[in-house]
Amino acid sequence: MARITVIGGTGYAGASIVREAAARGHEVTAYSRTAPAEPVPGVRYEQGSMLDDEVRARAVERADVVVSALSPRGELTRELLSVDTRLAELAASAGVRLGVVGGYSSLRPAPGAPRFADGDLPPEFAAEGRTMAAVADALLSAPEGLDWFYVSPAAQYGAFAPGEATGAYRLGGDVAIADADGKSVISGADFASAVVDEIDNPKHHRAHFSVAY
């Protein structure tokens, strides 16, 4: 059993990870700005702003693994890069593993190619996509002792297309995964399974990987 803290634990990705981790018997703490409408039994919920360094420090202490499932929205629109960078510093100092849930735009269309975020993105996704790609790049310069992973979902992932749990998924590096028809899809439940599987059986160290069918 691991002590897992999920920051952004009431958002779409975070809540799915919280549910999966709790179902496996882990000791789970979820941080968010507001209390959840439907709390998961056995999960400890804490409220606070990640702009507050005391809250960030409290989120990291006593954890084995911290997962940042934050999005650059609301008060974090212009601050997410600095928040995740600071979480990396705190995790390194505490000897805590750090996972970051990124975006599809942080991936590359082919090995060695620029990230999708470096090209033309739909206006409604551009700012968020480039911020999350900047977080991925910043982790490459994280403190040397920090064991981190950055995980990107498929293109079709989110509350608009929750999908169903199939118990299956494929893993890739920082290159986007698509099926034979060119579709890149993953359900919320299966993405969460992939993240918790990485916590249970670490395979990616200081690395970016992707999850899709």
N, C-alpha and C. Protein backbone atom coordinates (compact mmCIF):
# COMPACT_ATOMS: atom_id res chain seq x y z
N MET A 1 0.85 -1.20 0.00
CA MET A 1 0.00 0.00 0.00
C MET A 1 0.88 1.24 0.00
N ALA A 2 0.54 2.18 -0.86
CA ALA A 2 1.30 3.43 -0.94
C ALA A 2 0.44 4.58 -0.44
N ARG A 3 1.11 5.61 0.03
CA ARG A 3 0.42 6.85 0.41
C ARG A 3 0.47 7.76 -0.81
N ILE A 4 -0.69 7.94 -1.42
CA ILE A 4 -0.78 8.67 -2.68
C ILE A 4 -1.57 9.96 -2.47
N THR A 5 -0.97 11.07 -2.87
CA THR A 5 -1.67 12.36 -2.84
C THR A 5 -1.95 12.78 -4.27
N VAL A 6 -3.20 13.06 -4.56
CA VAL A 6 -3.60 13.51 -5.89
C VAL A 6 -4.00 14.98 -5.79
N ILE A 7 -3.25 15.83 -6.47
CA ILE A 7 -3.53 17.26 -6.46
C ILE A 7 -4.41 17.56 -7.66
N GLY A 8 -5.56 18.17 -7.39
CA GLY A 8 -6.59 18.28 -8.42
C GLY A 8 -7.44 17.02 -8.38
N GLY A 9 -7.62 16.50 -7.19
CA GLY A 9 -8.27 15.20 -7.01
C GLY A 9 -9.77 15.17 -7.18
N THR A 10 -10.38 16.32 -7.47
CA THR A 10 -11.83 16.32 -7.75
C THR A 10 -12.12 16.66 -9.21
N GLY A 11 -11.07 16.88 -10.01
CA GLY A 11 -11.26 17.12 -11.43
C GLY A 11 -11.47 15.81 -12.16
N TYR A 12 -11.61 15.89 -13.47
CA TYR A 12 -11.93 14.67 -14.24
C TYR A 12 -10.85 13.60 -14.09
N ALA A 13 -9.62 13.94 -14.45
CA ALA A 13 -8.53 12.97 -14.37
C ALA A 13 -8.23 12.61 -12.92
N GLY A 14 -8.14 13.63 -12.07
CA GLY A 14 -7.78 13.40 -10.68
C GLY A 14 -8.77 12.52 -9.96
N ALA A 15 -10.07 12.76 -10.15
CA ALA A 15 -11.09 11.97 -9.47
C ALA A 15 -11.04 10.51 -9.91
N SER A 16 -10.76 10.28 -11.18
CA SER A 16 -10.66 8.90 -11.67
C SER A 16 -9.48 8.19 -11.04
N ILE A 17 -8.35 8.89 -10.92
CA ILE A 17 -7.17 8.31 -10.30
C ILE A 17 -7.42 8.04 -8.81
N VAL A 18 -8.08 8.97 -8.14
CA VAL A 18 -8.43 8.80 -6.73
C VAL A 18 -9.28 7.53 -6.55
N ARG A 19 -10.30 7.37 -7.38
CA ARG A 19 -11.18 6.20 -7.26
C ARG A 19 -10.40 4.90 -7.47
N GLU A 20 -9.56 4.89 -8.50
CA GLU A 20 -8.81 3.66 -8.80
C GLU A 20 -7.82 3.32 -7.70
N ALA A 21 -7.10 4.34 -7.21
CA ALA A 21 -6.11 4.10 -6.17
C ALA A 21 -6.77 3.63 -4.88
N ALA A 22 -7.91 4.24 -4.52
CA ALA A 22 -8.62 3.84 -3.31
C ALA A 22 -9.16 2.42 -3.44
N ALA A 23 -9.64 2.07 -4.62
CA ALA A 23 -10.18 0.72 -4.84
C ALA A 23 -9.11 -0.34 -4.68
N ARG A 24 -7.85 0.03 -4.90
CA ARG A 24 -6.75 -0.93 -4.75
C ARG A 24 -6.19 -0.96 -3.34
N GLY A 25 -6.78 -0.18 -2.45
CA GLY A 25 -6.37 -0.22 -1.06
C GLY A 25 -5.27 0.75 -0.67
N HIS A 26 -4.95 1.69 -1.55
CA HIS A 26 -3.94 2.67 -1.20
C HIS A 26 -4.50 3.70 -0.23
N GLU A 27 -3.63 4.36 0.49
CA GLU A 27 -4.02 5.46 1.37
C GLU A 27 -4.01 6.74 0.53
N VAL A 28 -5.18 7.26 0.23
CA VAL A 28 -5.30 8.34 -0.74
C VAL A 28 -5.75 9.65 -0.10
N THR A 29 -5.05 10.73 -0.46
CA THR A 29 -5.45 12.08 -0.07
C THR A 29 -5.64 12.89 -1.34
N ALA A 30 -6.74 13.60 -1.43
CA ALA A 30 -7.04 14.42 -2.60
C ALA A 30 -7.06 15.89 -2.20
N TYR A 31 -6.35 16.70 -2.96
CA TYR A 31 -6.33 18.15 -2.74
C TYR A 31 -7.09 18.85 -3.86
N SER A 32 -7.90 19.83 -3.49
CA SER A 32 -8.62 20.63 -4.47
C SER A 32 -9.07 21.93 -3.81
N ARG A 33 -9.56 22.84 -4.61
CA ARG A 33 -10.02 24.11 -4.05
C ARG A 33 -11.38 23.97 -3.39
N THR A 34 -12.17 23.00 -3.82
CA THR A 34 -13.51 22.81 -3.25
C THR A 34 -13.71 21.34 -2.88
N ALA A 35 -14.63 21.09 -1.97
CA ALA A 35 -14.93 19.71 -1.56
C ALA A 35 -15.67 18.99 -2.68
N PRO A 36 -15.51 17.68 -2.78
CA PRO A 36 -16.17 16.92 -3.85
C PRO A 36 -17.66 16.78 -3.59
N ALA A 37 -18.44 16.72 -4.67
CA ALA A 37 -19.88 16.50 -4.54
C ALA A 37 -20.15 15.07 -4.10
N GLU A 38 -19.33 14.12 -4.56
CA GLU A 38 -19.51 12.72 -4.23
C GLU A 38 -18.17 12.14 -3.77
N PRO A 39 -17.82 12.31 -2.51
CA PRO A 39 -16.53 11.82 -2.02
C PRO A 39 -16.43 10.30 -2.09
N VAL A 40 -15.23 9.83 -2.36
CA VAL A 40 -14.97 8.38 -2.40
C VAL A 40 -14.73 7.91 -0.97
N PRO A 41 -15.42 6.89 -0.52
CA PRO A 41 -15.22 6.39 0.85
C PRO A 41 -13.75 6.03 1.11
N GLY A 42 -13.27 6.45 2.27
CA GLY A 42 -11.91 6.14 2.66
C GLY A 42 -10.86 7.13 2.19
N VAL A 43 -11.23 8.07 1.34
CA VAL A 43 -10.29 9.07 0.83
C VAL A 43 -10.33 10.31 1.71
N ARG A 44 -9.18 10.84 2.02
CA ARG A 44 -9.11 12.09 2.80
C ARG A 44 -9.07 13.26 1.83
N TYR A 45 -10.00 14.19 2.00
CA TYR A 45 -10.08 15.35 1.12
C TYR A 45 -9.62 16.60 1.85
N GLU A 46 -8.73 17.34 1.21
CA GLU A 46 -8.21 18.59 1.76
C GLU A 46 -8.48 19.71 0.76
N GLN A 47 -8.83 20.88 1.28
CA GLN A 47 -9.08 22.03 0.42
C GLN A 47 -7.98 23.07 0.60
N GLY A 48 -7.61 23.69 -0.51
CA GLY A 48 -6.60 24.74 -0.46
C GLY A 48 -6.16 25.11 -1.86
N SER A 49 -5.50 26.24 -1.96
CA SER A 49 -5.01 26.73 -3.25
C SER A 49 -3.56 26.33 -3.44
N MET A 50 -3.22 25.83 -4.61
CA MET A 50 -1.84 25.46 -4.90
C MET A 50 -0.97 26.69 -5.16
N LEU A 51 -1.54 27.88 -5.07
CA LEU A 51 -0.73 29.10 -5.12
C LEU A 51 -0.12 29.39 -3.75
N ASP A 52 -0.58 28.69 -2.74
CA ASP A 52 -0.09 28.84 -1.37
C ASP A 52 1.00 27.80 -1.12
N ASP A 53 2.22 28.27 -0.87
CA ASP A 53 3.32 27.32 -0.73
C ASP A 53 3.15 26.43 0.50
N GLU A 54 2.48 26.90 1.53
CA GLU A 54 2.23 26.05 2.69
C GLU A 54 1.32 24.89 2.33
N VAL A 55 0.34 25.15 1.48
CA VAL A 55 -0.56 24.09 1.03
C VAL A 55 0.21 23.10 0.17
N ARG A 56 1.07 23.60 -0.71
CA ARG A 56 1.87 22.71 -1.55
C ARG A 56 2.76 21.81 -0.69
N ALA A 57 3.41 22.41 0.31
CA ALA A 57 4.29 21.63 1.17
C ALA A 57 3.50 20.57 1.94
N ARG A 58 2.31 20.94 2.41
CA ARG A 58 1.49 19.99 3.15
C ARG A 58 1.03 18.84 2.25
N ALA A 59 0.80 19.14 0.97
CA ALA A 59 0.36 18.10 0.04
C ALA A 59 1.45 17.07 -0.22
N VAL A 60 2.70 17.51 -0.15
CA VAL A 60 3.81 16.61 -0.45
C VAL A 60 4.24 15.79 0.77
N GLU A 61 4.17 16.40 1.95
CA GLU A 61 4.66 15.70 3.14
C GLU A 61 3.83 14.46 3.44
N ARG A 62 4.50 13.47 3.92
CA ARG A 62 3.90 12.18 4.30
C ARG A 62 3.34 11.39 3.13
N ALA A 63 3.68 11.76 1.90
CA ALA A 63 3.25 11.00 0.73
C ALA A 63 4.41 10.16 0.21
N ASP A 64 4.09 9.05 -0.41
CA ASP A 64 5.09 8.27 -1.15
C ASP A 64 5.12 8.73 -2.61
N VAL A 65 3.94 9.04 -3.12
CA VAL A 65 3.79 9.50 -4.51
C VAL A 65 2.81 10.65 -4.54
N VAL A 66 3.17 11.70 -5.26
CA VAL A 66 2.26 12.82 -5.50
C VAL A 66 1.94 12.86 -6.98
N VAL A 67 0.67 12.95 -7.31
CA VAL A 67 0.23 13.07 -8.71
C VAL A 67 -0.41 14.43 -8.89
N SER A 68 0.15 15.23 -9.78
CA SER A 68 -0.44 16.52 -10.11
C SER A 68 -1.37 16.34 -11.30
N ALA A 69 -2.66 16.49 -11.06
CA ALA A 69 -3.66 16.38 -12.12
C ALA A 69 -4.33 17.73 -12.32
N LEU A 70 -3.53 18.76 -12.29
CA LEU A 70 -4.03 20.13 -12.41
C LEU A 70 -4.11 20.56 -13.87
N SER A 71 -4.97 21.51 -14.14
CA SER A 71 -5.10 22.10 -15.48
C SER A 71 -4.86 23.60 -15.39
N PRO A 72 -4.34 24.20 -16.45
CA PRO A 72 -4.10 25.65 -16.45
C PRO A 72 -5.40 26.44 -16.68
N ARG A 73 -6.25 26.40 -15.67
CA ARG A 73 -7.53 27.09 -15.74
C ARG A 73 -7.74 27.87 -14.45
N GLY A 74 -8.67 28.80 -14.47
CA GLY A 74 -8.97 29.58 -13.29
C GLY A 74 -7.74 30.27 -12.76
N GLU A 75 -7.49 30.16 -11.46
CA GLU A 75 -6.35 30.84 -10.86
C GLU A 75 -5.01 30.27 -11.33
N LEU A 76 -5.05 29.10 -11.96
CA LEU A 76 -3.82 28.48 -12.44
C LEU A 76 -3.55 28.74 -13.92
N THR A 77 -4.38 29.56 -14.55
CA THR A 77 -4.23 29.80 -15.99
C THR A 77 -2.81 30.21 -16.36
N ARG A 78 -2.23 31.12 -15.59
CA ARG A 78 -0.87 31.59 -15.86
C ARG A 78 0.14 31.09 -14.85
N GLU A 79 -0.30 30.24 -13.91
CA GLU A 79 0.57 29.86 -12.80
C GLU A 79 0.92 28.37 -12.76
N LEU A 80 0.32 27.57 -13.64
CA LEU A 80 0.51 26.13 -13.49
C LEU A 80 1.97 25.71 -13.65
N LEU A 81 2.68 26.30 -14.58
CA LEU A 81 4.09 25.93 -14.76
C LEU A 81 4.88 26.16 -13.48
N SER A 82 4.69 27.30 -12.85
CA SER A 82 5.43 27.57 -11.62
C SER A 82 4.97 26.65 -10.49
N VAL A 83 3.68 26.31 -10.45
CA VAL A 83 3.17 25.43 -9.41
C VAL A 83 3.78 24.03 -9.55
N ASP A 84 3.74 23.46 -10.76
CA ASP A 84 4.29 22.12 -10.94
C ASP A 84 5.81 22.10 -10.76
N THR A 85 6.47 23.19 -11.15
CA THR A 85 7.91 23.28 -10.93
C THR A 85 8.23 23.27 -9.43
N ARG A 86 7.44 24.01 -8.66
CA ARG A 86 7.64 24.04 -7.21
C ARG A 86 7.31 22.69 -6.58
N LEU A 87 6.28 22.01 -7.06
CA LEU A 87 5.97 20.68 -6.54
C LEU A 87 7.13 19.72 -6.80
N ALA A 88 7.77 19.87 -7.95
CA ALA A 88 8.93 19.04 -8.26
C ALA A 88 10.06 19.29 -7.27
N GLU A 89 10.28 20.55 -6.93
CA GLU A 89 11.32 20.88 -5.96
C GLU A 89 11.01 20.29 -4.60
N LEU A 90 9.76 20.43 -4.16
CA LEU A 90 9.36 19.90 -2.86
C LEU A 90 9.45 18.38 -2.83
N ALA A 91 9.01 17.74 -3.91
CA ALA A 91 9.06 16.28 -3.97
C ALA A 91 10.50 15.78 -3.95
N ALA A 92 11.38 16.48 -4.66
CA ALA A 92 12.79 16.08 -4.66
C ALA A 92 13.38 16.18 -3.27
N SER A 93 13.07 17.25 -2.56
CA SER A 93 13.60 17.44 -1.21
C SER A 93 13.08 16.39 -0.23
N ALA A 94 11.84 15.95 -0.45
CA ALA A 94 11.21 14.99 0.46
C ALA A 94 11.44 13.54 0.05
N GLY A 95 12.06 13.31 -1.10
CA GLY A 95 12.26 11.95 -1.58
C GLY A 95 10.96 11.29 -2.02
N VAL A 96 10.05 12.11 -2.55
CA VAL A 96 8.73 11.64 -2.98
C VAL A 96 8.69 11.53 -4.50
N ARG A 97 8.08 10.49 -5.01
CA ARG A 97 7.94 10.36 -6.46
C ARG A 97 6.85 11.30 -6.95
N LEU A 98 7.05 11.89 -8.13
CA LEU A 98 6.08 12.84 -8.68
C LEU A 98 5.58 12.37 -10.03
N GLY A 99 4.26 12.34 -10.17
CA GLY A 99 3.64 12.08 -11.46
C GLY A 99 2.86 13.31 -11.89
N VAL A 100 2.90 13.63 -13.17
CA VAL A 100 2.15 14.76 -13.71
C VAL A 100 1.26 14.26 -14.85
N VAL A 101 -0.03 14.56 -14.75
CA VAL A 101 -0.95 14.23 -15.84
C VAL A 101 -0.91 15.38 -16.84
N GLY A 102 -0.43 15.08 -18.02
CA GLY A 102 -0.29 16.11 -19.05
C GLY A 102 -1.40 16.06 -20.07
N GLY A 103 -1.11 16.57 -21.24
CA GLY A 103 -2.11 16.62 -22.29
C GLY A 103 -1.61 15.94 -23.56
N TYR A 104 -2.51 15.67 -24.46
CA TYR A 104 -2.17 15.05 -25.74
C TYR A 104 -1.23 15.93 -26.55
N SER A 105 -1.40 17.24 -26.45
CA SER A 105 -0.59 18.16 -27.25
C SER A 105 0.89 18.14 -26.85
N SER A 106 1.19 17.55 -25.69
CA SER A 106 2.58 17.44 -25.27
C SER A 106 3.31 16.30 -25.99
N LEU A 107 2.56 15.49 -26.71
CA LEU A 107 3.15 14.37 -27.45
C LEU A 107 3.70 14.83 -28.79
N ARG A 108 4.36 13.90 -29.46
CA ARG A 108 4.95 14.16 -30.78
C ARG A 108 4.29 13.24 -31.82
N PRO A 109 4.19 13.68 -33.06
CA PRO A 109 3.61 12.81 -34.09
C PRO A 109 4.55 11.69 -34.51
N ALA A 110 5.86 11.86 -34.27
CA ALA A 110 6.86 10.87 -34.65
C ALA A 110 8.08 11.06 -33.75
N PRO A 111 8.91 10.04 -33.60
CA PRO A 111 10.10 10.19 -32.75
C PRO A 111 10.98 11.36 -33.19
N GLY A 112 11.33 12.20 -32.23
CA GLY A 112 12.20 13.33 -32.51
C GLY A 112 11.52 14.52 -33.14
N ALA A 113 10.24 14.40 -33.50
CA ALA A 113 9.52 15.52 -34.11
C ALA A 113 9.12 16.53 -33.06
N PRO A 114 8.85 17.78 -33.44
CA PRO A 114 8.35 18.76 -32.46
C PRO A 114 7.05 18.27 -31.85
N ARG A 115 6.77 18.73 -30.64
CA ARG A 115 5.51 18.39 -30.00
C ARG A 115 4.36 19.01 -30.80
N PHE A 116 3.17 18.40 -30.68
CA PHE A 116 1.99 18.98 -31.31
C PHE A 116 1.81 20.42 -30.85
N ALA A 117 2.13 20.68 -29.58
CA ALA A 117 1.96 22.02 -29.02
C ALA A 117 2.85 23.06 -29.69
N ASP A 118 3.90 22.60 -30.37
CA ASP A 118 4.79 23.54 -31.06
C ASP A 118 4.25 23.97 -32.41
N GLY A 119 3.18 23.32 -32.86
CA GLY A 119 2.59 23.66 -34.15
C GLY A 119 1.29 24.42 -34.00
N ASP A 120 0.44 24.31 -34.99
CA ASP A 120 -0.85 25.00 -34.96
C ASP A 120 -1.86 24.14 -34.20
N LEU A 121 -2.43 24.72 -33.17
CA LEU A 121 -3.46 24.05 -32.39
C LEU A 121 -4.76 24.81 -32.52
N PRO A 122 -5.90 24.13 -32.38
CA PRO A 122 -7.18 24.85 -32.36
C PRO A 122 -7.14 25.93 -31.28
N PRO A 123 -7.63 27.12 -31.57
CA PRO A 123 -7.55 28.23 -30.61
C PRO A 123 -8.06 27.89 -29.22
N GLU A 124 -9.09 27.06 -29.15
CA GLU A 124 -9.68 26.75 -27.85
C GLU A 124 -8.78 25.84 -27.00
N PHE A 125 -7.79 25.20 -27.63
CA PHE A 125 -6.89 24.31 -26.90
C PHE A 125 -5.46 24.83 -26.82
N ALA A 126 -5.15 25.87 -27.58
CA ALA A 126 -3.76 26.28 -27.76
C ALA A 126 -3.07 26.66 -26.45
N ALA A 127 -3.67 27.52 -25.66
CA ALA A 127 -3.01 28.00 -24.45
C ALA A 127 -2.76 26.86 -23.47
N GLU A 128 -3.78 26.03 -23.24
CA GLU A 128 -3.61 24.91 -22.31
C GLU A 128 -2.58 23.92 -22.83
N GLY A 129 -2.64 23.63 -24.12
CA GLY A 129 -1.72 22.66 -24.70
C GLY A 129 -0.28 23.11 -24.57
N ARG A 130 -0.03 24.39 -24.80
CA ARG A 130 1.35 24.90 -24.73
C ARG A 130 1.84 24.99 -23.28
N THR A 131 0.93 25.28 -22.37
CA THR A 131 1.32 25.30 -20.96
C THR A 131 1.72 23.91 -20.49
N MET A 132 0.93 22.89 -20.83
CA MET A 132 1.25 21.54 -20.41
C MET A 132 2.53 21.04 -21.06
N ALA A 133 2.78 21.44 -22.30
CA ALA A 133 4.05 21.07 -22.95
C ALA A 133 5.22 21.73 -22.25
N ALA A 134 5.02 22.95 -21.77
CA ALA A 134 6.08 23.64 -21.04
C ALA A 134 6.38 22.93 -19.73
N VAL A 135 5.35 22.36 -19.09
CA VAL A 135 5.57 21.59 -17.87
C VAL A 135 6.41 20.35 -18.19
N ALA A 136 6.09 19.67 -19.29
CA ALA A 136 6.85 18.49 -19.68
C ALA A 136 8.32 18.85 -19.91
N ASP A 137 8.56 19.97 -20.58
CA ASP A 137 9.93 20.40 -20.83
C ASP A 137 10.64 20.77 -19.54
N ALA A 138 9.93 21.41 -18.61
CA ALA A 138 10.54 21.83 -17.35
C ALA A 138 10.98 20.63 -16.51
N LEU A 139 10.25 19.53 -16.59
CA LEU A 139 10.62 18.35 -15.81
C LEU A 139 11.96 17.78 -16.24
N LEU A 140 12.35 18.03 -17.47
CA LEU A 140 13.65 17.54 -17.94
C LEU A 140 14.79 18.18 -17.16
N SER A 141 14.51 19.34 -16.55
CA SER A 141 15.51 20.03 -15.75
C SER A 141 15.21 19.94 -14.26
N ALA A 142 14.34 19.02 -13.88
CA ALA A 142 13.99 18.85 -12.47
C ALA A 142 15.22 18.40 -11.69
N PRO A 143 15.23 18.64 -10.37
CA PRO A 143 16.36 18.20 -9.55
C PRO A 143 16.74 16.75 -9.84
N GLU A 144 18.03 16.50 -9.91
CA GLU A 144 18.54 15.20 -10.37
C GLU A 144 18.01 14.03 -9.57
N GLY A 145 17.76 14.22 -8.30
CA GLY A 145 17.32 13.11 -7.47
C GLY A 145 15.84 12.80 -7.55
N LEU A 146 15.09 13.61 -8.29
CA LEU A 146 13.64 13.43 -8.36
C LEU A 146 13.26 12.31 -9.33
N ASP A 147 12.49 11.36 -8.85
CA ASP A 147 11.93 10.31 -9.72
C ASP A 147 10.56 10.80 -10.17
N TRP A 148 10.44 11.18 -11.44
CA TRP A 148 9.18 11.72 -11.95
C TRP A 148 8.72 10.96 -13.18
N PHE A 149 7.42 11.05 -13.44
CA PHE A 149 6.87 10.61 -14.73
C PHE A 149 5.81 11.60 -15.16
N TYR A 150 5.69 11.76 -16.46
CA TYR A 150 4.70 12.66 -17.06
C TYR A 150 3.90 11.78 -18.01
N VAL A 151 2.59 11.74 -17.85
CA VAL A 151 1.77 10.83 -18.63
C VAL A 151 0.71 11.60 -19.43
N SER A 152 0.64 11.29 -20.71
CA SER A 152 -0.33 11.95 -21.60
C SER A 152 -1.41 10.96 -22.04
N PRO A 153 -2.66 11.38 -22.04
CA PRO A 153 -3.73 10.52 -22.54
C PRO A 153 -3.85 10.62 -24.06
N ALA A 154 -4.74 9.83 -24.60
CA ALA A 154 -5.03 9.88 -26.03
C ALA A 154 -5.71 11.20 -26.39
N ALA A 155 -5.87 11.42 -27.70
CA ALA A 155 -6.50 12.66 -28.18
C ALA A 155 -7.94 12.76 -27.69
N GLN A 156 -8.65 11.65 -27.76
CA GLN A 156 -10.05 11.65 -27.32
C GLN A 156 -10.10 11.13 -25.89
N TYR A 157 -10.05 12.08 -24.98
CA TYR A 157 -10.05 11.77 -23.55
C TYR A 157 -10.63 12.96 -22.81
N GLY A 158 -11.54 12.70 -21.88
CA GLY A 158 -12.10 13.79 -21.10
C GLY A 158 -13.55 13.55 -20.73
N ALA A 159 -14.11 14.47 -19.99
CA ALA A 159 -15.49 14.33 -19.53
C ALA A 159 -16.47 14.28 -20.69
N PHE A 160 -16.08 14.82 -21.84
CA PHE A 160 -16.96 14.81 -23.00
C PHE A 160 -17.05 13.42 -23.63
N ALA A 161 -16.10 12.53 -23.30
CA ALA A 161 -16.08 11.18 -23.85
C ALA A 161 -15.53 10.23 -22.81
N PRO A 162 -16.27 10.00 -21.70
CA PRO A 162 -15.72 9.21 -20.59
C PRO A 162 -15.41 7.76 -20.95
N GLY A 163 -16.17 7.18 -21.88
CA GLY A 163 -15.93 5.80 -22.26
C GLY A 163 -16.22 4.83 -21.13
N GLU A 164 -15.77 3.59 -21.30
CA GLU A 164 -16.01 2.55 -20.31
C GLU A 164 -14.71 1.86 -19.95
N ALA A 165 -14.69 1.26 -18.79
CA ALA A 165 -13.52 0.50 -18.36
C ALA A 165 -13.45 -0.80 -19.14
N THR A 166 -12.33 -1.03 -19.82
CA THR A 166 -12.14 -2.27 -20.56
C THR A 166 -11.07 -3.15 -19.93
N GLY A 167 -10.25 -2.55 -19.06
CA GLY A 167 -9.17 -3.29 -18.46
C GLY A 167 -7.97 -3.46 -19.37
N ALA A 168 -7.97 -2.71 -20.48
CA ALA A 168 -6.87 -2.82 -21.45
C ALA A 168 -6.44 -1.45 -21.90
N TYR A 169 -5.17 -1.34 -22.26
CA TYR A 169 -4.63 -0.10 -22.82
C TYR A 169 -3.25 -0.41 -23.39
N ARG A 170 -2.73 0.51 -24.18
CA ARG A 170 -1.36 0.40 -24.68
C ARG A 170 -0.54 1.57 -24.14
N LEU A 171 0.75 1.32 -23.94
CA LEU A 171 1.66 2.37 -23.50
C LEU A 171 2.62 2.71 -24.62
N GLY A 172 2.96 3.99 -24.70
CA GLY A 172 3.97 4.44 -25.64
C GLY A 172 4.90 5.42 -24.95
N GLY A 173 5.86 5.91 -25.68
CA GLY A 173 6.74 6.94 -25.14
C GLY A 173 6.09 8.29 -25.31
N ASP A 174 6.86 9.28 -25.78
CA ASP A 174 6.28 10.61 -25.96
C ASP A 174 5.74 10.81 -27.38
N VAL A 175 5.48 9.70 -28.07
CA VAL A 175 4.87 9.73 -29.40
C VAL A 175 3.41 9.29 -29.29
N ALA A 176 2.52 10.00 -29.96
CA ALA A 176 1.08 9.70 -29.88
C ALA A 176 0.78 8.29 -30.39
N ILE A 177 -0.17 7.63 -29.73
CA ILE A 177 -0.61 6.28 -30.11
C ILE A 177 -1.96 6.38 -30.80
N ALA A 178 -2.13 5.67 -31.91
CA ALA A 178 -3.41 5.60 -32.61
C ALA A 178 -3.66 4.16 -33.01
N ASP A 179 -4.94 3.83 -33.23
CA ASP A 179 -5.26 2.47 -33.67
C ASP A 179 -5.13 2.37 -35.19
N ALA A 180 -5.54 1.23 -35.73
CA ALA A 180 -5.39 0.99 -37.16
C ALA A 180 -6.20 1.96 -38.01
N ASP A 181 -7.24 2.54 -37.41
CA ASP A 181 -8.08 3.50 -38.13
C ASP A 181 -7.63 4.94 -37.90
N GLY A 182 -6.52 5.11 -37.18
CA GLY A 182 -6.01 6.45 -36.92
C GLY A 182 -6.65 7.15 -35.73
N LYS A 183 -7.47 6.41 -34.96
CA LYS A 183 -8.13 7.01 -33.81
C LYS A 183 -7.24 6.89 -32.57
N SER A 184 -7.24 7.94 -31.77
CA SER A 184 -6.49 7.97 -30.52
C SER A 184 -7.48 8.20 -29.39
N VAL A 185 -7.78 7.13 -28.64
CA VAL A 185 -8.87 7.16 -27.66
C VAL A 185 -8.43 6.44 -26.39
N ILE A 186 -8.91 6.90 -25.25
CA ILE A 186 -8.78 6.17 -23.98
C ILE A 186 -9.89 6.63 -23.05
N SER A 187 -10.46 5.69 -22.31
CA SER A 187 -11.51 6.07 -21.35
C SER A 187 -10.88 6.61 -20.08
N GLY A 188 -11.68 7.33 -19.31
CA GLY A 188 -11.19 7.87 -18.05
C GLY A 188 -10.76 6.77 -17.09
N ALA A 189 -11.52 5.69 -17.05
CA ALA A 189 -11.22 4.59 -16.13
C ALA A 189 -9.93 3.88 -16.51
N ASP A 190 -9.74 3.63 -17.80
CA ASP A 190 -8.54 2.90 -18.22
C ASP A 190 -7.30 3.77 -18.13
N PHE A 191 -7.45 5.07 -18.36
CA PHE A 191 -6.30 5.97 -18.16
C PHE A 191 -5.90 5.96 -16.68
N ALA A 192 -6.87 6.02 -15.79
CA ALA A 192 -6.58 5.98 -14.36
C ALA A 192 -5.90 4.68 -13.98
N SER A 193 -6.33 3.57 -14.57
CA SER A 193 -5.69 2.28 -14.30
C SER A 193 -4.22 2.32 -14.70
N ALA A 194 -3.94 2.93 -15.85
CA ALA A 194 -2.55 3.02 -16.31
C ALA A 194 -1.70 3.82 -15.34
N VAL A 195 -2.26 4.92 -14.82
CA VAL A 195 -1.50 5.76 -13.89
C VAL A 195 -1.23 5.00 -12.59
N VAL A 196 -2.24 4.34 -12.05
CA VAL A 196 -2.05 3.61 -10.79
C VAL A 196 -1.18 2.37 -11.02
N ASP A 197 -1.26 1.75 -12.19
CA ASP A 197 -0.34 0.66 -12.50
C ASP A 197 1.10 1.14 -12.46
N GLU A 198 1.35 2.36 -12.96
CA GLU A 198 2.70 2.92 -12.94
C GLU A 198 3.15 3.17 -11.51
N ILE A 199 2.23 3.54 -10.64
CA ILE A 199 2.57 3.72 -9.24
C ILE A 199 2.87 2.37 -8.58
N ASP A 200 2.04 1.38 -8.87
CA ASP A 200 2.21 0.06 -8.27
C ASP A 200 3.47 -0.65 -8.78
N ASN A 201 3.74 -0.50 -10.08
CA ASN A 201 4.89 -1.17 -10.70
C ASN A 201 5.62 -0.18 -11.59
N PRO A 202 6.47 0.65 -11.00
CA PRO A 202 7.14 1.72 -11.76
C PRO A 202 7.98 1.20 -12.93
N LYS A 203 7.71 1.75 -14.10
CA LYS A 203 8.47 1.39 -15.30
C LYS A 203 9.06 2.62 -15.99
N HIS A 204 8.53 3.78 -15.67
CA HIS A 204 8.97 5.02 -16.33
C HIS A 204 9.60 5.95 -15.29
N HIS A 205 10.88 6.16 -15.41
CA HIS A 205 11.61 6.99 -14.45
C HIS A 205 12.19 8.20 -15.19
N ARG A 206 11.80 9.38 -14.71
CA ARG A 206 12.20 10.64 -15.38
C ARG A 206 11.87 10.54 -16.87
N ALA A 207 10.63 10.13 -17.14
CA ALA A 207 10.24 9.87 -18.53
C ALA A 207 8.79 10.27 -18.78
N HIS A 208 8.52 10.56 -20.04
CA HIS A 208 7.19 10.91 -20.54
C HIS A 208 6.64 9.67 -21.26
N PHE A 209 5.42 9.26 -20.91
CA PHE A 209 4.80 8.16 -21.64
C PHE A 209 3.34 8.48 -21.93
N SER A 210 2.77 7.73 -22.86
CA SER A 210 1.40 7.98 -23.30
C SER A 210 0.56 6.73 -23.12
N VAL A 211 -0.75 6.94 -23.07
CA VAL A 211 -1.70 5.85 -22.85
C VAL A 211 -2.84 5.97 -23.86
N ALA A 212 -3.12 4.89 -24.57
CA ALA A 212 -4.25 4.86 -25.52
C ALA A 212 -4.59 3.41 -25.81
N TYR A 213 -5.68 3.20 -26.55
CA TYR A 213 -6.03 1.84 -26.95
C TYR A 213 -5.23 1.45 -28.19
